[in-house]
């Protein structure tokens, strides 16, 4: 697992985590790619790279007539992607407040 952590720490991009969240929200690679302002092939490649980094035994999403469905590992990944995104949002908000306070405003 340490090797996977090392790989994630050195290669994981926030865009990949945003893509996971968009895929969960939209249930469609095409719609998620559109929401992320990227091509469907770029989104597919980013997802494949993430799955490779994770050494995932299965894809994170299963394709169904109703759209993409997260498997249990995919649900876990999306949950942590949302936690990281929320933490970064909180960090940015606190940083802005700190910067305003230092500027006297």
PDB file of N, CA and C in Angstrom:
ATOM      1  N   UNK A   1       0.822  -1.200   0.000  1.00  0.00           N
ATOM      2  CA  UNK A   1       0.000   0.000   0.000  1.00  0.00           C
ATOM      3  C   UNK A   1       0.859   1.255   0.000  1.00  0.00           C
ATOM      4  N   UNK A   2       2.038   1.196   0.636  1.00  0.00           N
ATOM      5  CA  UNK A   2       2.902   2.360   0.659  1.00  0.00           C
ATOM      6  C   UNK A   2       3.270   2.778  -0.752  1.00  0.00           C
ATOM      7  N   UNK A   3       3.515   1.822  -1.627  1.00  0.00           N
ATOM      8  CA  UNK A   3       3.842   2.146  -3.006  1.00  0.00           C
ATOM      9  C   UNK A   3       2.685   2.896  -3.657  1.00  0.00           C
ATOM     10  N   UNK A   4       1.447   2.473  -3.404  1.00  0.00           N
ATOM     11  CA  UNK A   4       0.280   3.166  -3.952  1.00  0.00           C
ATOM     12  C   UNK A   4       0.207   4.584  -3.407  1.00  0.00           C
ATOM     13  N   UNK A   5       0.484   4.757  -2.123  1.00  0.00           N
ATOM     14  CA  UNK A   5       0.483   6.090  -1.527  1.00  0.00           C
ATOM     15  C   UNK A   5       1.553   6.967  -2.180  1.00  0.00           C
ATOM     16  N   UNK A   6       2.741   6.426  -2.369  1.00  0.00           N
ATOM     17  CA  UNK A   6       3.815   7.178  -3.022  1.00  0.00           C
ATOM     18  C   UNK A   6       3.401   7.599  -4.428  1.00  0.00           C
ATOM     19  N   UNK A   7       2.777   6.686  -5.153  1.00  0.00           N
ATOM     20  CA  UNK A   7       2.324   6.993  -6.518  1.00  0.00           C
ATOM     21  C   UNK A   7       1.276   8.096  -6.477  1.00  0.00           C
ATOM     22  N   UNK A   8       0.295   7.982  -5.590  1.00  0.00           N
ATOM     23  CA  UNK A   8      -0.746   9.003  -5.497  1.00  0.00           C
ATOM     24  C   UNK A   8      -0.163  10.359  -5.102  1.00  0.00           C
ATOM     25  N   UNK A   9       0.737  10.371  -4.144  1.00  0.00           N
ATOM     26  CA  UNK A   9       1.313  11.640  -3.689  1.00  0.00           C
ATOM     27  C   UNK A   9       2.116  12.320  -4.796  1.00  0.00           C
ATOM     28  N   UNK A  10       2.700  11.542  -5.670  1.00  0.00           N
ATOM     29  CA  UNK A  10       3.535  12.146  -6.712  1.00  0.00           C
ATOM     30  C   UNK A  10       2.793  12.377  -8.027  1.00  0.00           C
ATOM     31  N   UNK A  11       1.706  11.634  -8.274  1.00  0.00           N
ATOM     32  CA  UNK A  11       1.074  11.722  -9.596  1.00  0.00           C
ATOM     33  C   UNK A  11      -0.388  12.146  -9.605  1.00  0.00           C
ATOM     34  N   UNK A  12      -1.068  12.059  -8.472  1.00  0.00           N
ATOM     35  CA  UNK A  12      -2.491  12.389  -8.432  1.00  0.00           C
ATOM     36  C   UNK A  12      -2.707  13.868  -8.717  1.00  0.00           C
ATOM     37  N   UNK A  13      -3.675  14.153  -9.567  1.00  0.00           N
ATOM     38  CA  UNK A  13      -4.012  15.537  -9.892  1.00  0.00           C
ATOM     39  C   UNK A  13      -5.418  15.834  -9.384  1.00  0.00           C
ATOM     40  N   UNK A  14      -5.602  17.063  -8.935  1.00  0.00           N
ATOM     41  CA  UNK A  14      -6.924  17.467  -8.449  1.00  0.00           C
ATOM     42  C   UNK A  14      -7.967  17.326  -9.550  1.00  0.00           C
ATOM     43  N   UNK A  15      -7.576  17.531 -10.782  1.00  0.00           N
ATOM     44  CA  UNK A  15      -8.510  17.406 -11.905  1.00  0.00           C
ATOM     45  C   UNK A  15      -9.099  15.987 -11.945  1.00  0.00           C
ATOM     46  N   UNK A  16      -8.308  14.995 -11.589  1.00  0.00           N
ATOM     47  CA  UNK A  16      -8.812  13.625 -11.561  1.00  0.00           C
ATOM     48  C   UNK A  16      -9.848  13.448 -10.448  1.00  0.00           C
ATOM     49  N   UNK A  17      -9.607  14.070  -9.312  1.00  0.00           N
ATOM     50  CA  UNK A  17     -10.581  13.983  -8.222  1.00  0.00           C
ATOM     51  C   UNK A  17     -11.855  14.739  -8.584  1.00  0.00           C
ATOM     52  N   UNK A  18     -11.700  15.895  -9.229  1.00  0.00           N
ATOM     53  CA  UNK A  18     -12.876  16.642  -9.696  1.00  0.00           C
ATOM     54  C   UNK A  18     -13.660  15.814 -10.701  1.00  0.00           C
ATOM     55  N   UNK A  19     -12.959  15.095 -11.551  1.00  0.00           N
ATOM     56  CA  UNK A  19     -13.624  14.244 -12.537  1.00  0.00           C
ATOM     57  C   UNK A  19     -14.426  13.145 -11.841  1.00  0.00           C
ATOM     58  N   UNK A  20     -13.865  12.526 -10.822  1.00  0.00           N
ATOM     59  CA  UNK A  20     -14.605  11.499 -10.078  1.00  0.00           C
ATOM     60  C   UNK A  20     -15.904  12.064  -9.522  1.00  0.00           C
ATOM     61  N   UNK A  21     -15.827  13.265  -8.957  1.00  0.00           N
ATOM     62  CA  UNK A  21     -17.022  13.896  -8.398  1.00  0.00           C
ATOM     63  C   UNK A  21     -18.026  14.198  -9.500  1.00  0.00           C
ATOM     64  N   UNK A  22     -17.550  14.715 -10.632  1.00  0.00           N
ATOM     65  CA  UNK A  22     -18.444  15.019 -11.755  1.00  0.00           C
ATOM     66  C   UNK A  22     -19.074  13.750 -12.315  1.00  0.00           C
ATOM     67  N   UNK A  23     -18.311  12.677 -12.386  1.00  0.00           N
ATOM     68  CA  UNK A  23     -18.869  11.400 -12.869  1.00  0.00           C
ATOM     69  C   UNK A  23     -19.963  10.903 -11.929  1.00  0.00           C
ATOM     70  N   UNK A  24     -19.738  11.049 -10.644  1.00  0.00           N
ATOM     71  CA  UNK A  24     -20.757  10.652  -9.674  1.00  0.00           C
ATOM     72  C   UNK A  24     -21.997  11.537  -9.795  1.00  0.00           C
ATOM     73  N   UNK A  25     -21.788  12.827  -9.980  1.00  0.00           N
ATOM     74  CA  UNK A  25     -22.910  13.760 -10.083  1.00  0.00           C
ATOM     75  C   UNK A  25     -23.719  13.560 -11.363  1.00  0.00           C
ATOM     76  N   UNK A  26     -23.026  13.336 -12.473  1.00  0.00           N
ATOM     77  CA  UNK A  26     -23.694  13.299 -13.785  1.00  0.00           C
ATOM     78  C   UNK A  26     -24.011  11.891 -14.288  1.00  0.00           C
ATOM     79  N   UNK A  27     -23.355  10.881 -13.744  1.00  0.00           N
ATOM     80  CA  UNK A  27     -23.578   9.473 -14.133  1.00  0.00           C
ATOM     81  C   UNK A  27     -23.308   9.218 -15.609  1.00  0.00           C
ATOM     82  N   UNK A  28     -22.507  10.086 -16.223  1.00  0.00           N
ATOM     83  CA  UNK A  28     -22.214   9.969 -17.653  1.00  0.00           C
ATOM     84  C   UNK A  28     -20.839  10.555 -17.918  1.00  0.00           C
ATOM     85  N   UNK A  29     -20.012   9.818 -18.650  1.00  0.00           N
ATOM     86  CA  UNK A  29     -18.692  10.320 -19.000  1.00  0.00           C
ATOM     87  C   UNK A  29     -18.815  11.555 -19.887  1.00  0.00           C
ATOM     88  N   UNK A  30     -19.733  11.511 -20.832  1.00  0.00           N
ATOM     89  CA  UNK A  30     -19.941  12.636 -21.752  1.00  0.00           C
ATOM     90  C   UNK A  30     -20.363  13.893 -20.992  1.00  0.00           C
ATOM     91  N   UNK A  31     -21.341  13.766 -20.100  1.00  0.00           N
ATOM     92  CA  UNK A  31     -21.829  14.923 -19.337  1.00  0.00           C
ATOM     93  C   UNK A  31     -20.781  15.430 -18.349  1.00  0.00           C
ATOM     94  N   UNK A  32     -20.076  14.513 -17.699  1.00  0.00           N
ATOM     95  CA  UNK A  32     -19.030  14.917 -16.754  1.00  0.00           C
ATOM     96  C   UNK A  32     -17.908  15.647 -17.486  1.00  0.00           C
ATOM     97  N   UNK A  33     -17.526  15.140 -18.645  1.00  0.00           N
ATOM     98  CA  UNK A  33     -16.481  15.802 -19.429  1.00  0.00           C
ATOM     99  C   UNK A  33     -16.929  17.205 -19.825  1.00  0.00           C
ATOM    100  N   UNK A  34     -18.180  17.345 -20.241  1.00  0.00           N
ATOM    101  CA  UNK A  34     -18.709  18.659 -20.592  1.00  0.00           C
ATOM    102  C   UNK A  34     -18.688  19.611 -19.409  1.00  0.00           C
ATOM    103  N   UNK A  35     -19.070  19.115 -18.248  1.00  0.00           N
ATOM    104  CA  UNK A  35     -19.076  19.946 -17.043  1.00  0.00           C
ATOM    105  C   UNK A  35     -17.661  20.367 -16.657  1.00  0.00           C
ATOM    106  N   UNK A  36     -16.690  19.542 -16.981  1.00  0.00           N
ATOM    107  CA  UNK A  36     -15.296  19.833 -16.648  1.00  0.00           C
ATOM    108  C   UNK A  36     -14.587  20.585 -17.778  1.00  0.00           C
ATOM    109  N   UNK A  37     -15.312  20.855 -18.857  1.00  0.00           N
ATOM    110  CA  UNK A  37     -14.767  21.535 -20.031  1.00  0.00           C
ATOM    111  C   UNK A  37     -13.536  20.781 -20.550  1.00  0.00           C
ATOM    112  N   UNK A  38     -13.747  19.505 -20.810  1.00  0.00           N
ATOM    113  CA  UNK A  38     -12.707  18.665 -21.395  1.00  0.00           C
ATOM    114  C   UNK A  38     -13.369  17.697 -22.352  1.00  0.00           C
ATOM    115  N   UNK A  39     -12.608  17.117 -23.232  1.00  0.00           N
ATOM    116  CA  UNK A  39     -13.185  16.159 -24.172  1.00  0.00           C
ATOM    117  C   UNK A  39     -13.490  14.855 -23.444  1.00  0.00           C
ATOM    118  N   UNK A  40     -14.377  14.083 -24.040  1.00  0.00           N
ATOM    119  CA  UNK A  40     -14.721  12.790 -23.464  1.00  0.00           C
ATOM    120  C   UNK A  40     -13.492  11.883 -23.457  1.00  0.00           C
ATOM    121  N   UNK A  41     -12.676  11.949 -24.491  1.00  0.00           N
ATOM    122  CA  UNK A  41     -11.484  11.094 -24.532  1.00  0.00           C
ATOM    123  C   UNK A  41     -10.477  11.512 -23.457  1.00  0.00           C
ATOM    124  N   UNK A  42     -10.356  12.821 -23.181  1.00  0.00           N
ATOM    125  CA  UNK A  42      -9.460  13.278 -22.109  1.00  0.00           C
ATOM    126  C   UNK A  42      -9.976  12.812 -20.750  1.00  0.00           C
ATOM    127  N   UNK A  43     -11.286  12.859 -20.570  1.00  0.00           N
ATOM    128  CA  UNK A  43     -11.877  12.392 -19.311  1.00  0.00           C
ATOM    129  C   UNK A  43     -11.659  10.896 -19.144  1.00  0.00           C
ATOM    130  N   UNK A  44     -11.855  10.155 -20.207  1.00  0.00           N
ATOM    131  CA  UNK A  44     -11.646   8.708 -20.173  1.00  0.00           C
ATOM    132  C   UNK A  44     -10.196   8.382 -19.846  1.00  0.00           C
ATOM    133  N   UNK A  45      -9.271   9.109 -20.448  1.00  0.00           N
ATOM    134  CA  UNK A  45      -7.845   8.891 -20.195  1.00  0.00           C
ATOM    135  C   UNK A  45      -7.500   9.221 -18.743  1.00  0.00           C
ATOM    136  N   UNK A  46      -8.022  10.338 -18.216  1.00  0.00           N
ATOM    137  CA  UNK A  46      -7.752  10.733 -16.829  1.00  0.00           C
ATOM    138  C   UNK A  46      -8.279   9.683 -15.854  1.00  0.00           C
ATOM    139  N   UNK A  47      -9.468   9.156 -16.132  1.00  0.00           N
ATOM    140  CA  UNK A  47     -10.038   8.112 -15.276  1.00  0.00           C
ATOM    141  C   UNK A  47      -9.189   6.844 -15.343  1.00  0.00           C
ATOM    142  N   UNK A  48      -8.767   6.458 -16.533  1.00  0.00           N
ATOM    143  CA  UNK A  48      -7.930   5.263 -16.689  1.00  0.00           C
ATOM    144  C   UNK A  48      -6.594   5.430 -15.959  1.00  0.00           C
ATOM    145  N   UNK A  49      -6.009   6.625 -16.024  1.00  0.00           N
ATOM    146  CA  UNK A  49      -4.752   6.882 -15.311  1.00  0.00           C
ATOM    147  C   UNK A  49      -4.945   6.756 -13.807  1.00  0.00           C
ATOM    148  N   UNK A  50      -6.061   7.289 -13.313  1.00  0.00           N
ATOM    149  CA  UNK A  50      -6.345   7.198 -11.884  1.00  0.00           C
ATOM    150  C   UNK A  50      -6.514   5.740 -11.466  1.00  0.00           C
ATOM    151  N   UNK A  51      -7.284   4.989 -12.234  1.00  0.00           N
ATOM    152  CA  UNK A  51      -7.489   3.569 -11.913  1.00  0.00           C
ATOM    153  C   UNK A  51      -6.165   2.814 -11.942  1.00  0.00           C
ATOM    154  N   UNK A  52      -5.285   3.176 -12.855  1.00  0.00           N
ATOM    155  CA  UNK A  52      -3.971   2.543 -12.934  1.00  0.00           C
ATOM    156  C   UNK A  52      -3.131   2.880 -11.707  1.00  0.00           C
ATOM    157  N   UNK A  53      -3.154   4.144 -11.298  1.00  0.00           N
ATOM    158  CA  UNK A  53      -2.409   4.562 -10.103  1.00  0.00           C
ATOM    159  C   UNK A  53      -2.871   3.791  -8.871  1.00  0.00           C
ATOM    160  N   UNK A  54      -4.171   3.570  -8.803  1.00  0.00           N
ATOM    161  CA  UNK A  54      -4.751   2.894  -7.645  1.00  0.00           C
ATOM    162  C   UNK A  54      -4.563   1.389  -7.698  1.00  0.00           C
ATOM    163  N   UNK A  55      -4.082   0.918  -8.842  1.00  0.00           N
ATOM    164  CA  UNK A  55      -3.976  -0.515  -9.078  1.00  0.00           C
ATOM    165  C   UNK A  55      -5.324  -1.188  -8.823  1.00  0.00           C
ATOM    166  N   UNK A  56      -6.376  -0.511  -9.293  1.00  0.00           N
ATOM    167  CA  UNK A  56      -7.743  -0.993  -9.086  1.00  0.00           C
ATOM    168  C   UNK A  56      -7.956  -2.302  -9.839  1.00  0.00           C
ATOM    169  N   UNK A  57      -8.441  -3.339  -9.155  1.00  0.00           N
ATOM    170  CA  UNK A  57      -8.685  -4.617  -9.832  1.00  0.00           C
ATOM    171  C   UNK A  57      -9.861  -4.533 -10.799  1.00  0.00           C
ATOM    172  N   UNK A  58     -10.737  -3.557 -10.598  1.00  0.00           N
ATOM    173  CA  UNK A  58     -11.909  -3.355 -11.453  1.00  0.00           C
ATOM    174  C   UNK A  58     -12.025  -1.870 -11.741  1.00  0.00           C
ATOM    175  N   UNK A  59     -12.720  -1.499 -12.816  1.00  0.00           N
ATOM    176  CA  UNK A  59     -12.998  -0.073 -13.027  1.00  0.00           C
ATOM    177  C   UNK A  59     -13.797   0.467 -11.834  1.00  0.00           C
ATOM    178  N   UNK A  60     -13.663   1.766 -11.565  1.00  0.00           N
ATOM    179  CA  UNK A  60     -14.381   2.380 -10.451  1.00  0.00           C
ATOM    180  C   UNK A  60     -15.874   2.485 -10.722  1.00  0.00           C
ATOM    181  N   UNK A  61     -16.238   2.521 -12.020  1.00  0.00           N
ATOM    182  CA  UNK A  61     -17.629   2.659 -12.436  1.00  0.00           C
ATOM    183  C   UNK A  61     -18.007   1.493 -13.326  1.00  0.00           C
ATOM    184  N   UNK A  62     -19.240   1.061 -13.210  1.00  0.00           N
ATOM    185  CA  UNK A  62     -19.795   0.058 -14.116  1.00  0.00           C
ATOM    186  C   UNK A  62     -20.740   0.769 -15.066  1.00  0.00           C
ATOM    187  N   UNK A  63     -20.709   0.366 -16.303  1.00  0.00           N
ATOM    188  CA  UNK A  63     -21.597   0.973 -17.291  1.00  0.00           C
ATOM    189  C   UNK A  63     -22.936   0.247 -17.280  1.00  0.00           C
ATOM    190  N   UNK A  64     -24.007   1.032 -17.239  1.00  0.00           N
ATOM    191  CA  UNK A  64     -25.360   0.484 -17.268  1.00  0.00           C
ATOM    192  C   UNK A  64     -26.196   1.330 -18.220  1.00  0.00           C
ATOM    193  N   UNK A  65     -27.359   0.856 -18.576  1.00  0.00           N
ATOM    194  CA  UNK A  65     -28.234   1.622 -19.466  1.00  0.00           C
ATOM    195  C   UNK A  65     -28.592   2.978 -18.869  1.00  0.00           C
ATOM    196  N   UNK A  66     -28.659   3.041 -17.554  1.00  0.00           N
ATOM    197  CA  UNK A  66     -29.017   4.290 -16.878  1.00  0.00           C
ATOM    198  C   UNK A  66     -27.813   5.206 -16.669  1.00  0.00           C
ATOM    199  N   UNK A  67     -26.626   4.750 -17.017  1.00  0.00           N
ATOM    200  CA  UNK A  67     -25.426   5.558 -16.871  1.00  0.00           C
ATOM    201  C   UNK A  67     -24.356   4.831 -16.084  1.00  0.00           C
ATOM    202  N   UNK A  68     -23.412   5.576 -15.593  1.00  0.00           N
ATOM    203  CA  UNK A  68     -22.316   4.993 -14.825  1.00  0.00           C
ATOM    204  C   UNK A  68     -22.748   4.769 -13.381  1.00  0.00           C
ATOM    205  N   UNK A  69     -22.388   3.612 -12.862  1.00  0.00           N
ATOM    206  CA  UNK A  69     -22.732   3.246 -11.485  1.00  0.00           C
ATOM    207  C   UNK A  69     -21.442   2.944 -10.745  1.00  0.00           C
ATOM    208  N   UNK A  70     -21.256   3.592  -9.612  1.00  0.00           N
ATOM    209  CA  UNK A  70     -20.079   3.341  -8.796  1.00  0.00           C
ATOM    210  C   UNK A  70     -20.124   1.952  -8.181  1.00  0.00           C
ATOM    211  N   UNK A  71     -18.994   1.258  -8.188  1.00  0.00           N
ATOM    212  CA  UNK A  71     -18.902   0.027  -7.412  1.00  0.00           C
ATOM    213  C   UNK A  71     -18.426   0.425  -6.006  1.00  0.00           C
ATOM    214  N   UNK A  72     -18.330  -0.497  -5.075  1.00  0.00           N
ATOM    215  CA  UNK A  72     -17.950  -0.118  -3.703  1.00  0.00           C
ATOM    216  C   UNK A  72     -16.611   0.634  -3.623  1.00  0.00           C
ATOM    217  N   UNK A  73     -15.617   0.218  -4.388  1.00  0.00           N
ATOM    218  CA  UNK A  73     -14.329   0.906  -4.375  1.00  0.00           C
ATOM    219  C   UNK A  73     -14.483   2.306  -4.952  1.00  0.00           C
ATOM    220  N   UNK A  74     -15.272   2.444  -6.001  1.00  0.00           N
ATOM    221  CA  UNK A  74     -15.537   3.748  -6.599  1.00  0.00           C
ATOM    222  C   UNK A  74     -16.240   4.680  -5.623  1.00  0.00           C
ATOM    223  N   UNK A  75     -17.221   4.148  -4.869  1.00  0.00           N
ATOM    224  CA  UNK A  75     -17.916   4.965  -3.857  1.00  0.00           C
ATOM    225  C   UNK A  75     -16.930   5.478  -2.815  1.00  0.00           C
ATOM    226  N   UNK A  76     -16.015   4.622  -2.409  1.00  0.00           N
ATOM    227  CA  UNK A  76     -14.997   5.008  -1.430  1.00  0.00           C
ATOM    228  C   UNK A  76     -14.121   6.120  -2.007  1.00  0.00           C
ATOM    229  N   UNK A  77     -13.702   5.967  -3.242  1.00  0.00           N
ATOM    230  CA  UNK A  77     -12.855   6.986  -3.876  1.00  0.00           C
ATOM    231  C   UNK A  77     -13.580   8.319  -3.994  1.00  0.00           C
ATOM    232  N   UNK A  78     -14.839   8.285  -4.399  1.00  0.00           N
ATOM    233  CA  UNK A  78     -15.600   9.524  -4.547  1.00  0.00           C
ATOM    234  C   UNK A  78     -15.795  10.184  -3.187  1.00  0.00           C
ATOM    235  N   UNK A  79     -16.059   9.396  -2.170  1.00  0.00           N
ATOM    236  CA  UNK A  79     -16.237   9.955  -0.825  1.00  0.00           C
ATOM    237  C   UNK A  79     -14.977  10.724  -0.411  1.00  0.00           C
ATOM    238  N   UNK A  80     -13.811  10.127  -0.622  1.00  0.00           N
ATOM    239  CA  UNK A  80     -12.574  10.803  -0.253  1.00  0.00           C
ATOM    240  C   UNK A  80     -12.265  11.972  -1.184  1.00  0.00           C
ATOM    241  N   UNK A  81     -12.627  11.884  -2.437  1.00  0.00           N
ATOM    242  CA  UNK A  81     -12.448  13.018  -3.355  1.00  0.00           C
ATOM    243  C   UNK A  81     -13.269  14.206  -2.870  1.00  0.00           C
ATOM    244  N   UNK A  82     -14.496  13.933  -2.423  1.00  0.00           N
ATOM    245  CA  UNK A  82     -15.348  15.012  -1.898  1.00  0.00           C
ATOM    246  C   UNK A  82     -14.774  15.600  -0.605  1.00  0.00           C
ATOM    247  N   UNK A  83     -14.224  14.756   0.250  1.00  0.00           N
ATOM    248  CA  UNK A  83     -13.606  15.236   1.492  1.00  0.00           C
ATOM    249  C   UNK A  83     -12.419  16.142   1.164  1.00  0.00           C
ATOM    250  N   UNK A  84     -11.569  15.715   0.245  1.00  0.00           N
ATOM    251  CA  UNK A  84     -10.416  16.533  -0.137  1.00  0.00           C
ATOM    252  C   UNK A  84     -10.862  17.852  -0.746  1.00  0.00           C
ATOM    253  N   UNK A  85     -11.863  17.809  -1.610  1.00  0.00           N
ATOM    254  CA  UNK A  85     -12.368  19.038  -2.236  1.00  0.00           C
ATOM    255  C   UNK A  85     -12.944  19.977  -1.180  1.00  0.00           C
ATOM    256  N   UNK A  86     -13.683  19.436  -0.222  1.00  0.00           N
ATOM    257  CA  UNK A  86     -14.255  20.268   0.843  1.00  0.00           C
ATOM    258  C   UNK A  86     -13.152  20.867   1.713  1.00  0.00           C
ATOM    259  N   UNK A  87     -12.138  20.077   2.024  1.00  0.00           N
ATOM    260  CA  UNK A  87     -11.031  20.585   2.829  1.00  0.00           C
ATOM    261  C   UNK A  87     -10.277  21.688   2.098  1.00  0.00           C
ATOM    262  N   UNK A  88     -10.070  21.532   0.811  1.00  0.00           N
ATOM    263  CA  UNK A  88      -9.393  22.576   0.043  1.00  0.00           C
ATOM    264  C   UNK A  88     -10.236  23.842  -0.038  1.00  0.00           C
ATOM    265  N   UNK A  89     -11.543  23.679  -0.167  1.00  0.00           N
ATOM    266  CA  UNK A  89     -12.438  24.833  -0.171  1.00  0.00           C
ATOM    267  C   UNK A  89     -12.340  25.566   1.160  1.00  0.00           C
ATOM    268  N   UNK A  90     -12.357  24.829   2.239  1.00  0.00           N
ATOM    269  CA  UNK A  90     -12.233  25.419   3.577  1.00  0.00           C
ATOM    270  C   UNK A  90     -10.892  26.130   3.734  1.00  0.00           C
ATOM    271  N   UNK A  91      -9.828  25.512   3.267  1.00  0.00           N
ATOM    272  CA  UNK A  91      -8.513  26.130   3.333  1.00  0.00           C
ATOM    273  C   UNK A  91      -8.499  27.464   2.590  1.00  0.00           C
ATOM    274  N   UNK A  92      -9.065  27.500   1.390  1.00  0.00           N
ATOM    275  CA  UNK A  92      -9.090  28.733   0.593  1.00  0.00           C
ATOM    276  C   UNK A  92      -9.911  29.821   1.284  1.00  0.00           C
ATOM    277  N   UNK A  93     -11.033  29.440   1.869  1.00  0.00           N
ATOM    278  CA  UNK A  93     -11.858  30.424   2.589  1.00  0.00           C
ATOM    279  C   UNK A  93     -11.103  30.988   3.785  1.00  0.00           C
ATOM    280  N   UNK A  94     -10.450  30.133   4.537  1.00  0.00           N
ATOM    281  CA  UNK A  94      -9.690  30.594   5.701  1.00  0.00           C
ATOM    282  C   UNK A  94      -8.520  31.463   5.254  1.00  0.00           C
ATOM    283  N   UNK A  95      -7.883  31.094   4.167  1.00  0.00           N
ATOM    284  CA  UNK A  95      -6.768  31.877   3.662  1.00  0.00           C
ATOM    285  C   UNK A  95      -7.223  33.279   3.257  1.00  0.00           C
ATOM    286  N   UNK A  96      -8.379  33.357   2.580  1.00  0.00           N
ATOM    287  CA  UNK A  96      -8.915  34.671   2.192  1.00  0.00           C
ATOM    288  C   UNK A  96      -9.212  35.527   3.425  1.00  0.00           C
ATOM    289  N   UNK A  97      -9.812  34.925   4.453  1.00  0.00           N
ATOM    290  CA  UNK A  97     -10.090  35.664   5.678  1.00  0.00           C
ATOM    291  C   UNK A  97      -8.798  36.146   6.332  1.00  0.00           C
ATOM    292  N   UNK A  98      -7.811  35.287   6.359  1.00  0.00           N
ATOM    293  CA  UNK A  98      -6.510  35.648   6.924  1.00  0.00           C
ATOM    294  C   UNK A  98      -5.895  36.795   6.140  1.00  0.00           C
ATOM    295  N   UNK A  99      -5.935  36.712   4.814  1.00  0.00           N
ATOM    296  CA  UNK A  99      -5.345  37.759   3.969  1.00  0.00           C
ATOM    297  C   UNK A  99      -6.066  39.088   4.159  1.00  0.00           C
ATOM    298  N   UNK A 100      -7.415  39.040   4.253  1.00  0.00           N
ATOM    299  CA  UNK A 100      -8.180  40.276   4.483  1.00  0.00           C
ATOM    300  C   UNK A 100      -7.829  40.884   5.844  1.00  0.00           C
ATOM    301  N   UNK A 101      -7.712  40.055   6.858  1.00  0.00           N
ATOM    302  CA  UNK A 101      -7.384  40.535   8.200  1.00  0.00           C
ATOM    303  C   UNK A 101      -5.989  41.170   8.216  1.00  0.00           C
ATOM    304  N   UNK A 102      -5.068  40.572   7.518  1.00  0.00           N
ATOM    305  CA  UNK A 102      -3.706  41.156   7.462  1.00  0.00           C
ATOM    306  C   UNK A 102      -3.686  42.463   6.709  1.00  0.00           C
ATOM    307  N   UNK A 103      -4.586  42.591   5.735  1.00  0.00           N
ATOM    308  CA  UNK A 103      -4.643  43.823   4.934  1.00  0.00           C
ATOM    309  C   UNK A 103      -5.426  44.918   5.654  1.00  0.00           C
ATOM    310  N   UNK A 104      -6.053  44.543   6.767  1.00  0.00           N
ATOM    311  CA  UNK A 104      -6.790  45.524   7.539  1.00  0.00           C
ATOM    312  C   UNK A 104      -8.237  45.666   7.103  1.00  0.00           C
ATOM    313  N   UNK A 105      -8.728  44.701   6.319  1.00  0.00           N
ATOM    314  CA  UNK A 105     -10.103  44.829   5.833  1.00  0.00           C
ATOM    315  C   UNK A 105     -10.918  43.749   6.312  1.00  0.00           C
TER     316      UNK A 105
END
